C-alpha atoms as a PDB file:
ATOM      1  CA  MET A   1     147.336  73.743  81.773  1.00  0.00           C
ATOM      2  CA  LYS A   2     145.808  70.632  80.281  1.00  0.00           C
ATOM      3  CA  MET A   3     142.049  70.330  79.947  1.00  0.00           C
ATOM      4  CA  LYS A   4     141.748  67.593  82.573  1.00  0.00           C
ATOM      5  CA  ASP A   5     143.675  69.732  85.088  1.00  0.00           C
ATOM      6  CA  VAL A   6     140.557  71.849  85.557  1.00  0.00           C
ATOM      7  CA  PHE A   7     139.148  68.918  87.522  1.00  0.00           C
ATOM      8  CA  GLU A   8     142.013  69.122  90.023  1.00  0.00           C
ATOM      9  CA  ILE A   9     140.730  72.449  91.383  1.00  0.00           C
ATOM     10  CA  ALA A  10     139.629  71.901  94.981  1.00  0.00           C
ATOM     11  CA  ILE A  11     136.046  73.159  94.716  1.00  0.00           C
ATOM     12  CA  ILE A  12     135.434  71.130  91.567  1.00  0.00           C
ATOM     13  CA  LYS A  13     136.849  67.993  93.191  1.00  0.00           C
ATOM     14  CA  VAL A  14     134.502  68.441  96.162  1.00  0.00           C
ATOM     15  CA  LEU A  15     131.477  69.104  93.935  1.00  0.00           C
ATOM     16  CA  LEU A  16     132.115  66.015  91.813  1.00  0.00           C
ATOM     17  CA  TYR A  17     132.741  63.828  94.861  1.00  0.00           C
ATOM     18  CA  LEU A  18     129.478  64.932  96.472  1.00  0.00           C
ATOM     19  CA  PHE A  19     127.710  64.373  93.151  1.00  0.00           C
ATOM     20  CA  GLU A  20     128.938  60.776  93.122  1.00  0.00           C
ATOM     21  CA  THR A  21     128.303  60.018  96.797  1.00  0.00           C
ATOM     22  CA  ASN A  22     125.278  62.274  97.565  1.00  0.00           C
ATOM     23  CA  SER A  23     126.803  63.332 100.893  1.00  0.00           C
ATOM     24  CA  ALA A  24     130.062  63.085 102.803  1.00  0.00           C
ATOM     25  CA  ARG A  25     131.486  63.749 106.229  1.00  0.00           C
ATOM     26  CA  TYR A  26     134.338  66.219 106.635  1.00  0.00           C
ATOM     27  CA  SER A  27     136.767  63.411 107.499  1.00  0.00           C
ATOM     28  CA  GLU A  28     135.751  61.470 104.388  1.00  0.00           C
ATOM     29  CA  LEU A  29     136.391  64.510 102.176  1.00  0.00           C
ATOM     30  CA  LEU A  30     139.753  64.957 103.869  1.00  0.00           C
ATOM     31  CA  ASP A  31     140.719  61.309 103.307  1.00  0.00           C
ATOM     32  CA  GLU A  32     139.298  60.846  99.808  1.00  0.00           C
ATOM     33  CA  VAL A  33     139.329  64.204  98.032  1.00  0.00           C
ATOM     34  CA  ILE A  34     141.633  66.886  99.472  1.00  0.00           C
ATOM     35  CA  GLN A  35     144.337  65.927 101.961  1.00  0.00           C
ATOM     36  CA  SER A  36     145.071  69.479 103.121  1.00  0.00           C
ATOM     37  CA  ARG A  37     142.822  70.696 105.954  1.00  0.00           C
ATOM     38  CA  SER A  38     143.239  74.362 105.028  1.00  0.00           C
ATOM     39  CA  THR A  39     142.527  73.800 101.320  1.00  0.00           C
ATOM     40  CA  LEU A  40     139.468  71.709 102.154  1.00  0.00           C
ATOM     41  CA  ALA A  41     138.176  74.264 104.659  1.00  0.00           C
ATOM     42  CA  LEU A  42     138.530  77.081 102.097  1.00  0.00           C
ATOM     43  CA  ALA A  43     136.828  75.034  99.377  1.00  0.00           C
ATOM     44  CA  LEU A  44     133.921  74.130 101.661  1.00  0.00           C
ATOM     45  CA  ARG A  45     133.497  77.730 102.801  1.00  0.00           C
ATOM     46  CA  ASP A  46     133.486  78.999  99.202  1.00  0.00           C
ATOM     47  CA  LEU A  47     130.958  76.368  98.150  1.00  0.00           C
ATOM     48  CA  GLN A  48     128.705  77.257 101.096  1.00  0.00           C
ATOM     49  CA  ASP A  49     128.984  80.983 100.330  1.00  0.00           C
ATOM     50  CA  ASP A  50     127.907  80.264  96.743  1.00  0.00           C
ATOM     51  CA  GLN A  51     125.039  78.100  98.067  1.00  0.00           C
ATOM     52  CA  LEU A  52     126.271  75.029  96.204  1.00  0.00           C
ATOM     53  CA  ILE A  53     126.557  72.826  99.313  1.00  0.00           C
ATOM     54  CA  GLU A  54     124.822  72.577 102.674  1.00  0.00           C
ATOM     55  CA  ARG A  55     126.550  71.806 105.944  1.00  0.00           C
ATOM     56  CA  SER A  56     124.707  69.908 108.646  1.00  0.00           C
ATOM     57  CA  VAL A  57     125.995  69.082 112.089  1.00  0.00           C
ATOM     58  CA  LEU A  58     124.671  65.869 113.585  1.00  0.00           C
ATOM     59  CA  ALA A  59     124.202  65.853 117.339  1.00  0.00           C
ATOM     60  CA  SER A  60     126.105  62.664 118.006  1.00  0.00           C
ATOM     61  CA  ARG A  61     129.198  61.695 119.931  1.00  0.00           C
ATOM     62  CA  PRO A  62     131.567  62.599 118.444  1.00  0.00           C
ATOM     63  CA  VAL A  63     129.881  65.435 116.560  1.00  0.00           C
ATOM     64  CA  GLN A  64     129.672  64.718 112.841  1.00  0.00           C
ATOM     65  CA  THR A  65     129.594  67.295 110.071  1.00  0.00           C
ATOM     66  CA  ARG A  66     128.004  66.201 106.808  1.00  0.00           C
ATOM     67  CA  TYR A  67     127.991  68.034 103.479  1.00  0.00           C
ATOM     68  CA  THR A  68     125.432  67.649 100.693  1.00  0.00           C
ATOM     69  CA  LEU A  69     124.785  69.408  97.397  1.00  0.00           C
ATOM     70  CA  THR A  70     121.979  71.935  97.172  1.00  0.00           C
ATOM     71  CA  SER A  71     119.722  71.754  94.117  1.00  0.00           C
ATOM     72  CA  LYS A  72     121.851  74.514  92.562  1.00  0.00           C
ATOM     73  CA  GLY A  73     125.030  72.584  93.447  1.00  0.00           C
ATOM     74  CA  ASN A  74     123.608  69.390  91.982  1.00  0.00           C
ATOM     75  CA  LYS A  75     122.893  71.152  88.683  1.00  0.00           C
ATOM     76  CA  VAL A  76     126.414  72.643  88.541  1.00  0.00           C
ATOM     77  CA  ALA A  77     127.990  69.279  89.426  1.00  0.00           C
ATOM     78  CA  GLU A  78     125.914  67.527  86.779  1.00  0.00           C
ATOM     79  CA  TYR A  79     127.222  69.925  84.114  1.00  0.00           C
ATOM     80  CA  LEU A  80     130.790  69.511  85.370  1.00  0.00           C
ATOM     81  CA  SER A  81     130.406  65.738  85.334  1.00  0.00           C
ATOM     82  CA  SER A  82     129.195  65.796  81.720  1.00  0.00           C
ATOM     83  CA  LEU A  83     132.041  68.102  80.722  1.00  0.00           C
ATOM     84  CA  LYS A  84     134.573  65.857  82.442  1.00  0.00           C
ATOM     85  CA  GLU A  85     133.176  62.799  80.682  1.00  0.00           C
ATOM     86  CA  LEU A  86     133.435  64.583  77.333  1.00  0.00           C
ATOM     87  CA  ILE A  87     137.021  65.677  77.966  1.00  0.00           C
ATOM     88  CA  LEU A  88     138.120  62.213  79.101  1.00  0.00           C
ATOM     89  CA  ARG A  89     136.464  60.662  76.065  1.00  0.00           C
ATOM     90  CA  GLU A  90     137.548  63.161  73.395  1.00  0.00           C
ATOM     91  CA  VAL A  91     140.885  64.688  74.430  1.00  0.00           C
ATOM     92  CA  PRO A  92     143.847  62.328  73.922  1.00  0.00           C
ATOM     93  CA  GLU A  93     146.403  62.066  76.702  1.00  0.00           C
ATOM     94  CA  LYS A  94     150.157  61.951  76.422  1.00  0.00           C
ATOM     95  CA  ILE A  95     152.202  59.742  78.686  1.00  0.00           C
ATOM     96  CA  GLY A  96     155.831  60.589  78.154  1.00  0.00           C
ATOM     97  CA  ASN A  97     156.212  60.943  74.383  1.00  0.00           C
ATOM     98  CA  GLU A  98     153.522  58.366  73.677  1.00  0.00           C
ATOM     99  CA  GLU A  99     149.998  59.470  72.800  1.00  0.00           C
ATOM    100  CA  CYS A 100     147.260  57.154  73.956  1.00  0.00           C
ATOM    101  CA  ALA A 101     143.580  56.948  73.218  1.00  0.00           C
ATOM    102  CA  PRO A 102     141.107  58.961  75.289  1.00  0.00           C
ATOM    103  CA  GLY A 103     140.326  57.173  78.534  1.00  0.00           C
ATOM    104  CA  CYS A 104     143.607  55.269  78.646  1.00  0.00           C
ATOM    105  CA  LEU A 105     144.342  56.817  82.042  1.00  0.00           C
ATOM    106  CA  GLU A 106     141.476  54.790  83.501  1.00  0.00           C
ATOM    107  CA  ILE A 107     142.896  51.581  82.059  1.00  0.00           C
ATOM    108  CA  ARG A 108     146.416  52.315  83.299  1.00  0.00           C
ATOM    109  CA  GLY A 109     145.172  52.858  86.855  1.00  0.00           C
ATOM    110  CA  PHE A 110     145.915  56.431  87.824  1.00  0.00           C
ATOM    111  CA  GLY A 111     143.648  56.275  90.882  1.00  0.00           C
ATOM    112  CA  LEU A 112     140.360  56.953  89.134  1.00  0.00           C
ATOM    113  CA  THR A 113     137.225  55.548  90.668  1.00  0.00           C
ATOM    114  CA  SER A 114     133.740  55.569  89.285  1.00  0.00           C
ATOM    115  CA  SER A 115     130.335  55.109  90.765  1.00  0.00           C
ATOM    116  CA  ARG A 116     128.515  57.129  88.091  1.00  0.00           C
ATOM    117  CA  ALA A 117     130.162  56.838  84.666  1.00  0.00           C
ATOM    118  CA  VAL A 118     132.392  59.822  85.543  1.00  0.00           C
ATOM    119  CA  SER A 119     134.999  59.794  88.259  1.00  0.00           C
ATOM    120  CA  VAL A 120     136.794  62.127  90.619  1.00  0.00           C
ATOM    121  CA  PHE A 121     140.570  62.304  90.311  1.00  0.00           C
ATOM    122  CA  LYS A 122     142.270  60.955  93.389  1.00  0.00           C
ATOM    123  CA  PRO A 123     146.071  60.782  93.551  1.00  0.00           C
ATOM    124  CA  LEU A 124     147.530  57.384  94.401  1.00  0.00           C
END
């Protein structure tokens, strides 16, 4: 497993996405972060059990479920974000047989977005 692959783990993807956006609806997480309903549901349940995220149900039509980081979750996500930034900056990537400079994946457009210096991997 490559270092950056750690950030493809479902719970880490959700934590980093919520760190970037502050909160998200279930449907947004499904569209933007994890496309599998069962994987997303398991990740959200695990994060709630560990008290890293909070789930709130808004009494609207249709009912909306919103997820936010707890203070503990924010601290964990901040550390993960810093680690991800370090890995993307310091660990060179290989594309085929060609080695490129750290961060070249961002330049070559592999679906990375950024709203806070560090981004969440999102497949194209």
